[in-house]
Amino acid sequence: MGITPIDLQMLRDECPFSGAVLQLGRQDIHVSPEEVAALGLPRPVRARDDHAFYSALGFTQVRSIDASDYQGADIIGDLNRPLPLEFCNRFDAVVDSGCMEHIFDVPQVLRNIHAALKPGGRVFHMSPTSNQVDHGFYSFSPTFFADYYETNRWRLERLRLIRFRLDWLHSRPTVHDYTPTDQLHLLGSSHCYGSEAIATWCVARKLTESTCDRIPTQMVYRKGAWTGSKPPVDPWNLGSVNLVKRLAKSLLPQGPYETARAALVRYVWGRRQLLRVLKSSRVRRK
């Protein structure tokens, strides 16, 4: 668990901050005071620790919770269990920078986040999505956050996919804004993004009507297949292109292979959409 240059880049876009922040697990700070100061924050960074970092961002109270005191968390508590009442409705922000994937009871973690935040407070997730085997118990697709927070009537403010090399301290990430409906059409039924590691950055705001116990259904079914709107078939898996697929995979490195695959999927999907529009316009003319 820690704040990396990637986290710093994401948090910069969410300023300003104020009030009290709760870290899920006390964060190691993997950015220098100079890197933080380069953001032009109103408060100086006097030390390379979590209190100095979050104070520089604008928070006036910095707390952390963990099941163990080995990293010096000031609240010792197991997030597999309900949050103690004394910490409920107390925080303006909750930061989950690489913690939730290590906790077995994820629904209880989400309930604790809801309990900890005041109405109007925000949660920030930086969670592994792919190519991080055994980093934790789980990896999370962006649809996990989109579907959970929409179903529970939170305001989903930002959702991003971040691609980076596994030596993340020296990696220049590629950031893609992700909208929840992307899963309905962008890459069909098989979502492959190459050989780099992928993380999801999610920002959601708790509203007065927000809940934490509604169980979501994945959007690709709730707004796609179950409504009669079929997601596109991934042509890369059709028998008619198996020969081309095998040839491309044998000749191209992983990156260009995945790029070619994604381009083919988008082309076929776009062509089908155009034919559907033309067909509907002919029906209307009749």
Protein backbone atom coordinates (compact mmCIF):
# COMPACT_ATOMS: atom_id res chain seq x y z
CA MET A 1 0.00 0.00 0.00
CA GLY A 2 1.39 3.35 -0.92
CA ILE A 3 1.24 6.62 -2.84
CA THR A 4 3.18 6.34 -6.08
CA PRO A 5 3.81 8.89 -8.84
CA ILE A 6 0.75 7.41 -10.58
CA ASP A 7 -1.44 8.05 -7.50
CA LEU A 8 -0.02 11.56 -7.26
CA GLN A 9 -0.98 12.24 -10.86
CA MET A 10 -4.53 11.02 -10.23
CA LEU A 11 -4.97 12.93 -6.95
CA ARG A 12 -3.78 16.14 -8.58
CA ASP A 13 -6.87 16.08 -10.79
CA GLU A 14 -9.19 15.79 -7.76
CA CYS A 15 -8.03 18.90 -5.86
CA PRO A 16 -9.05 20.80 -3.79
CA PHE A 17 -9.25 18.77 -0.59
CA SER A 18 -10.24 19.71 2.95
CA GLY A 19 -11.36 18.21 6.25
CA ALA A 20 -10.53 14.71 7.47
CA VAL A 21 -9.15 11.82 5.41
CA LEU A 22 -9.11 8.13 6.34
CA GLN A 23 -6.51 5.90 4.71
CA LEU A 24 -7.33 2.20 4.36
CA GLY A 25 -3.96 1.00 5.55
CA ARG A 26 -1.32 3.59 6.36
CA GLN A 27 0.28 4.63 3.10
CA ASP A 28 3.97 4.52 2.30
CA ILE A 29 4.89 7.63 0.32
CA HIS A 30 6.88 6.80 -2.82
CA VAL A 31 7.05 10.37 -4.11
CA SER A 32 9.53 13.01 -3.03
CA PRO A 33 8.63 16.34 -1.41
CA GLU A 34 9.92 17.98 -4.58
CA GLU A 35 7.46 16.00 -6.75
CA VAL A 36 4.59 17.01 -4.49
CA ALA A 37 5.74 20.63 -4.29
CA ALA A 38 5.82 20.77 -8.11
CA LEU A 39 2.02 20.58 -8.04
CA GLY A 40 1.92 24.10 -6.60
CA LEU A 41 -0.02 23.10 -3.49
CA PRO A 42 -0.83 25.80 -0.92
CA ARG A 43 1.01 24.02 1.90
CA PRO A 44 4.65 22.90 1.86
CA VAL A 45 5.69 19.26 2.23
CA ARG A 46 8.06 19.09 5.17
CA ALA A 47 8.64 15.35 5.37
CA ARG A 48 8.20 12.18 3.32
CA ASP A 49 5.35 10.67 5.29
CA ASP A 50 1.60 10.32 4.95
CA HIS A 51 0.68 13.14 7.34
CA ALA A 52 2.88 15.64 5.50
CA PHE A 53 1.61 14.45 2.13
CA TYR A 54 -2.11 14.67 2.92
CA SER A 55 -1.67 17.92 4.82
CA ALA A 56 -0.04 19.40 1.72
CA LEU A 57 -3.08 18.33 -0.29
CA GLY A 58 -5.27 20.36 2.07
CA PHE A 59 -6.54 17.90 4.69
CA THR A 60 -6.54 19.07 8.29
CA GLN A 61 -6.87 15.62 9.88
CA VAL A 62 -5.10 12.46 8.66
CA ARG A 63 -6.06 9.05 10.04
CA SER A 64 -5.36 5.45 8.98
CA ILE A 65 -6.91 2.10 9.82
CA ASP A 66 -5.35 -1.36 9.59
CA ALA A 67 -5.72 -4.76 11.19
CA SER A 68 -2.10 -4.57 12.36
CA ASP A 69 0.11 -1.84 13.78
CA TYR A 70 3.15 -2.89 11.74
CA GLN A 71 2.93 0.25 9.56
CA GLY A 72 1.92 2.52 12.40
CA ALA A 73 -1.80 2.93 11.70
CA ASP A 74 -3.44 4.94 14.46
CA ILE A 75 -6.73 2.96 14.30
CA ILE A 76 -6.34 -0.78 14.74
CA GLY A 77 -9.36 -2.46 13.23
CA ASP A 78 -10.19 -5.33 10.89
CA LEU A 79 -12.04 -4.06 7.82
CA ASN A 80 -13.57 -7.53 7.44
CA ARG A 81 -15.70 -6.42 10.41
CA PRO A 82 -18.07 -3.44 10.76
CA LEU A 83 -16.41 -0.08 11.39
CA PRO A 84 -16.71 1.01 15.05
CA LEU A 85 -19.44 3.60 15.54
CA GLU A 86 -16.98 6.20 16.80
CA PHE A 87 -15.48 6.43 13.30
CA CYS A 88 -18.75 6.54 11.37
CA ASN A 89 -19.84 9.66 9.50
CA ARG A 90 -16.54 11.31 10.40
CA PHE A 91 -14.53 11.66 7.19
CA ASP A 92 -14.55 13.86 4.11
CA ALA A 93 -12.45 11.41 2.11
CA VAL A 94 -11.47 7.74 2.20
CA VAL A 95 -8.37 6.68 0.27
CA ASP A 96 -8.05 3.07 -0.85
CA SER A 97 -4.68 3.06 -2.57
CA GLY A 98 -4.00 -0.64 -2.88
CA CYS A 99 -5.77 -1.96 0.22
CA MET A 100 -9.18 -3.42 -0.66
CA GLU A 101 -7.74 -6.21 -2.82
CA HIS A 102 -5.96 -7.59 0.27
CA ILE A 103 -9.15 -7.84 2.37
CA PHE A 104 -11.23 -10.96 1.88
CA ASP A 105 -14.69 -9.56 2.65
CA VAL A 106 -14.96 -6.89 -0.04
CA PRO A 107 -18.69 -6.14 0.53
CA GLN A 108 -17.89 -5.36 4.17
CA VAL A 109 -15.09 -3.02 3.09
CA LEU A 110 -17.57 -1.16 0.89
CA ARG A 111 -20.04 -0.93 3.77
CA ASN A 112 -17.28 0.47 5.97
CA ILE A 113 -16.38 3.09 3.37
CA HIS A 114 -20.03 4.16 3.27
CA ALA A 115 -20.15 4.29 7.06
CA ALA A 116 -16.95 6.30 7.41
CA LEU A 117 -17.86 9.04 4.93
CA LYS A 118 -19.99 12.06 5.60
CA PRO A 119 -22.64 12.86 2.96
CA GLY A 120 -20.74 14.67 0.21
CA GLY A 121 -17.52 12.86 1.03
CA ARG A 122 -15.51 11.08 -1.64
CA VAL A 123 -13.82 7.70 -1.90
CA PHE A 124 -10.71 7.23 -4.01
CA HIS A 125 -9.86 3.73 -5.22
CA MET A 126 -6.61 2.73 -6.91
CA SER A 127 -7.07 -1.00 -7.49
CA PRO A 128 -5.36 -3.68 -9.62
CA THR A 129 -7.28 -4.76 -12.70
CA SER A 130 -5.04 -7.19 -14.59
CA ASN A 131 -1.54 -8.67 -14.91
CA GLN A 132 -0.80 -8.51 -11.18
CA VAL A 133 -1.04 -12.18 -10.23
CA ASP A 134 -1.10 -12.84 -6.47
CA HIS A 135 -0.75 -9.18 -5.63
CA GLY A 136 -3.85 -9.62 -3.51
CA PHE A 137 -6.97 -11.77 -3.20
CA TYR A 138 -8.70 -9.91 -6.02
CA SER A 139 -8.37 -7.75 -9.10
CA PHE A 140 -11.21 -5.37 -10.01
CA SER A 141 -12.59 -4.52 -13.44
CA PRO A 142 -13.86 -0.96 -13.80
CA THR A 143 -17.39 -2.31 -14.19
CA PHE A 144 -17.18 -3.47 -10.56
CA PHE A 145 -16.99 0.14 -9.38
CA ALA A 146 -19.36 1.54 -12.03
CA ASP A 147 -22.10 -0.98 -11.30
CA TYR A 148 -21.76 -0.94 -7.52
CA TYR A 149 -21.80 2.84 -7.13
CA GLU A 150 -24.57 3.40 -9.69
CA THR A 151 -26.76 0.72 -8.08
CA ASN A 152 -26.21 2.26 -4.64
CA ARG A 153 -26.91 5.80 -5.87
CA TRP A 154 -23.50 7.34 -5.43
CA ARG A 155 -22.22 9.93 -7.88
CA LEU A 156 -19.49 8.33 -9.99
CA GLU A 157 -17.18 11.25 -10.68
CA ARG A 158 -14.21 9.65 -12.41
CA LEU A 159 -13.26 6.23 -13.75
CA ARG A 160 -9.95 5.57 -15.46
CA LEU A 161 -7.87 2.67 -16.69
CA ILE A 162 -4.15 3.10 -16.11
CA ARG A 163 -1.58 1.07 -18.03
CA PHE A 164 1.92 0.84 -16.65
CA ARG A 165 5.01 -1.34 -16.57
CA LEU A 166 5.49 -3.56 -13.56
CA ASP A 167 8.39 -1.37 -12.36
CA TRP A 168 5.72 1.17 -11.46
CA LEU A 169 8.04 3.54 -9.61
CA HIS A 170 9.77 4.35 -12.90
CA SER A 171 6.86 3.81 -15.26
CA ARG A 172 5.18 6.52 -17.30
CA PRO A 173 1.55 5.44 -17.19
CA THR A 174 -0.94 5.67 -20.02
CA VAL A 175 -4.29 6.89 -18.72
CA HIS A 176 -7.61 6.17 -20.45
CA ASP A 177 -10.86 7.75 -19.31
CA TYR A 178 -13.43 4.97 -19.04
CA THR A 179 -17.17 5.37 -19.21
CA PRO A 180 -19.42 2.60 -17.87
CA THR A 181 -20.96 1.96 -21.30
CA ASP A 182 -17.55 1.18 -22.82
CA GLN A 183 -18.03 -2.45 -21.87
CA LEU A 184 -21.13 -2.61 -24.07
CA HIS A 185 -19.32 -1.97 -27.32
CA LEU A 186 -15.61 -1.18 -27.31
CA LEU A 187 -13.99 -4.59 -27.38
CA GLY A 188 -16.85 -7.05 -27.53
CA SER A 189 -16.86 -9.96 -25.12
CA SER A 190 -13.09 -10.29 -24.65
CA HIS A 191 -11.34 -7.29 -23.11
CA CYS A 192 -7.59 -7.47 -23.67
CA TYR A 193 -5.34 -4.47 -23.22
CA GLY A 194 -1.89 -5.89 -23.96
CA SER A 195 0.91 -7.12 -21.76
CA GLU A 196 1.25 -4.19 -19.33
CA ALA A 197 -0.26 -4.10 -15.87
CA ILE A 198 -3.63 -2.35 -15.60
CA ALA A 199 -5.10 -0.52 -12.61
CA THR A 200 -8.46 1.20 -12.15
CA TRP A 201 -8.80 4.66 -10.63
CA CYS A 202 -12.26 5.40 -9.32
CA VAL A 203 -13.69 8.48 -7.58
CA ALA A 204 -17.22 8.30 -6.18
CA ARG A 205 -19.12 10.77 -4.00
CA LYS A 206 -21.51 9.71 -1.25
CA LEU A 207 -24.88 11.46 -1.48
CA THR A 208 -27.58 11.74 1.17
CA GLU A 209 -29.54 9.00 -0.62
CA SER A 210 -26.53 6.71 -1.12
CA THR A 211 -26.68 3.15 0.17
CA CYS A 212 -24.17 0.33 0.53
CA ASP A 213 -26.14 -2.91 0.53
CA ARG A 214 -27.77 -3.04 -2.91
CA ILE A 215 -26.29 -5.88 -4.96
CA PRO A 216 -25.46 -4.78 -8.52
CA THR A 217 -25.96 -6.65 -11.76
CA GLN A 218 -23.24 -6.18 -14.33
CA MET A 219 -24.17 -3.48 -16.82
CA VAL A 220 -23.37 -5.61 -19.86
CA TYR A 221 -26.41 -7.72 -18.89
CA ARG A 222 -28.59 -5.13 -17.14
CA LYS A 223 -28.40 -2.64 -20.04
CA GLY A 224 -27.27 -4.99 -22.76
CA ALA A 225 -28.13 -8.63 -23.33
CA TRP A 226 -31.18 -8.74 -21.02
CA THR A 227 -32.78 -5.77 -22.77
CA GLY A 228 -32.37 -7.29 -26.22
CA SER A 229 -29.42 -5.05 -27.07
CA LYS A 230 -26.74 -7.57 -27.90
CA PRO A 231 -23.10 -6.62 -27.42
CA PRO A 232 -21.00 -7.11 -30.53
CA VAL A 233 -19.46 -10.46 -31.29
CA ASP A 234 -15.70 -10.41 -30.98
CA PRO A 235 -14.61 -11.24 -34.55
CA TRP A 236 -11.18 -12.23 -33.27
CA ASN A 237 -12.79 -15.40 -31.91
CA LEU A 238 -14.78 -16.33 -35.03
CA GLY A 239 -13.76 -19.37 -37.06
CA SER A 240 -13.49 -17.32 -40.26
CA VAL A 241 -10.52 -15.39 -38.91
CA ASN A 242 -8.76 -18.17 -37.02
CA LEU A 243 -6.09 -18.49 -39.70
CA VAL A 244 -5.41 -14.74 -39.68
CA LYS A 245 -5.43 -14.76 -35.89
CA ARG A 246 -2.84 -17.53 -35.66
CA LEU A 247 -0.66 -15.90 -38.31
CA ALA A 248 -0.79 -12.48 -36.63
CA LYS A 249 -0.04 -13.96 -33.23
CA SER A 250 2.99 -15.81 -34.57
CA LEU A 251 4.38 -12.82 -36.48
CA LEU A 252 3.58 -9.85 -34.25
CA PRO A 253 4.83 -9.05 -30.75
CA GLN A 254 2.20 -8.89 -28.03
CA GLY A 255 1.60 -5.15 -28.24
CA PRO A 256 0.99 -4.88 -32.02
CA TYR A 257 -1.03 -8.12 -31.93
CA GLU A 258 -3.44 -6.70 -29.35
CA THR A 259 -3.58 -3.37 -31.21
CA ALA A 260 -4.52 -5.14 -34.45
CA ARG A 261 -7.12 -7.22 -32.63
CA ALA A 262 -8.74 -4.17 -31.03
CA ALA A 263 -8.78 -2.31 -34.37
CA LEU A 264 -10.53 -5.23 -36.05
CA VAL A 265 -13.15 -5.42 -33.29
CA ARG A 266 -13.86 -1.70 -33.52
CA TYR A 267 -14.10 -1.85 -37.33
CA VAL A 268 -16.60 -4.72 -37.32
CA TRP A 269 -18.65 -3.13 -34.54
CA GLY A 270 -18.73 0.24 -36.33
CA ARG A 271 -19.76 -1.39 -39.61
CA ARG A 272 -22.61 -3.23 -37.90
CA GLN A 273 -23.79 -0.03 -36.21
CA LEU A 274 -23.81 1.79 -39.56
CA LEU A 275 -25.80 -1.02 -41.23
CA ARG A 276 -28.28 -0.97 -38.34
CA VAL A 277 -28.81 2.80 -38.73
CA LEU A 278 -29.26 2.49 -42.50
CA LYS A 279 -31.73 -0.35 -42.06
CA SER A 280 -33.80 1.59 -39.51
CA SER A 281 -33.88 4.65 -41.78
CA ARG A 282 -35.18 2.54 -44.68
CA VAL A 283 -37.92 1.15 -42.43
CA ARG A 284 -38.99 4.67 -41.41
CA ARG A 285 -39.18 5.79 -45.06
CA LYS A 286 -41.53 2.90 -45.81
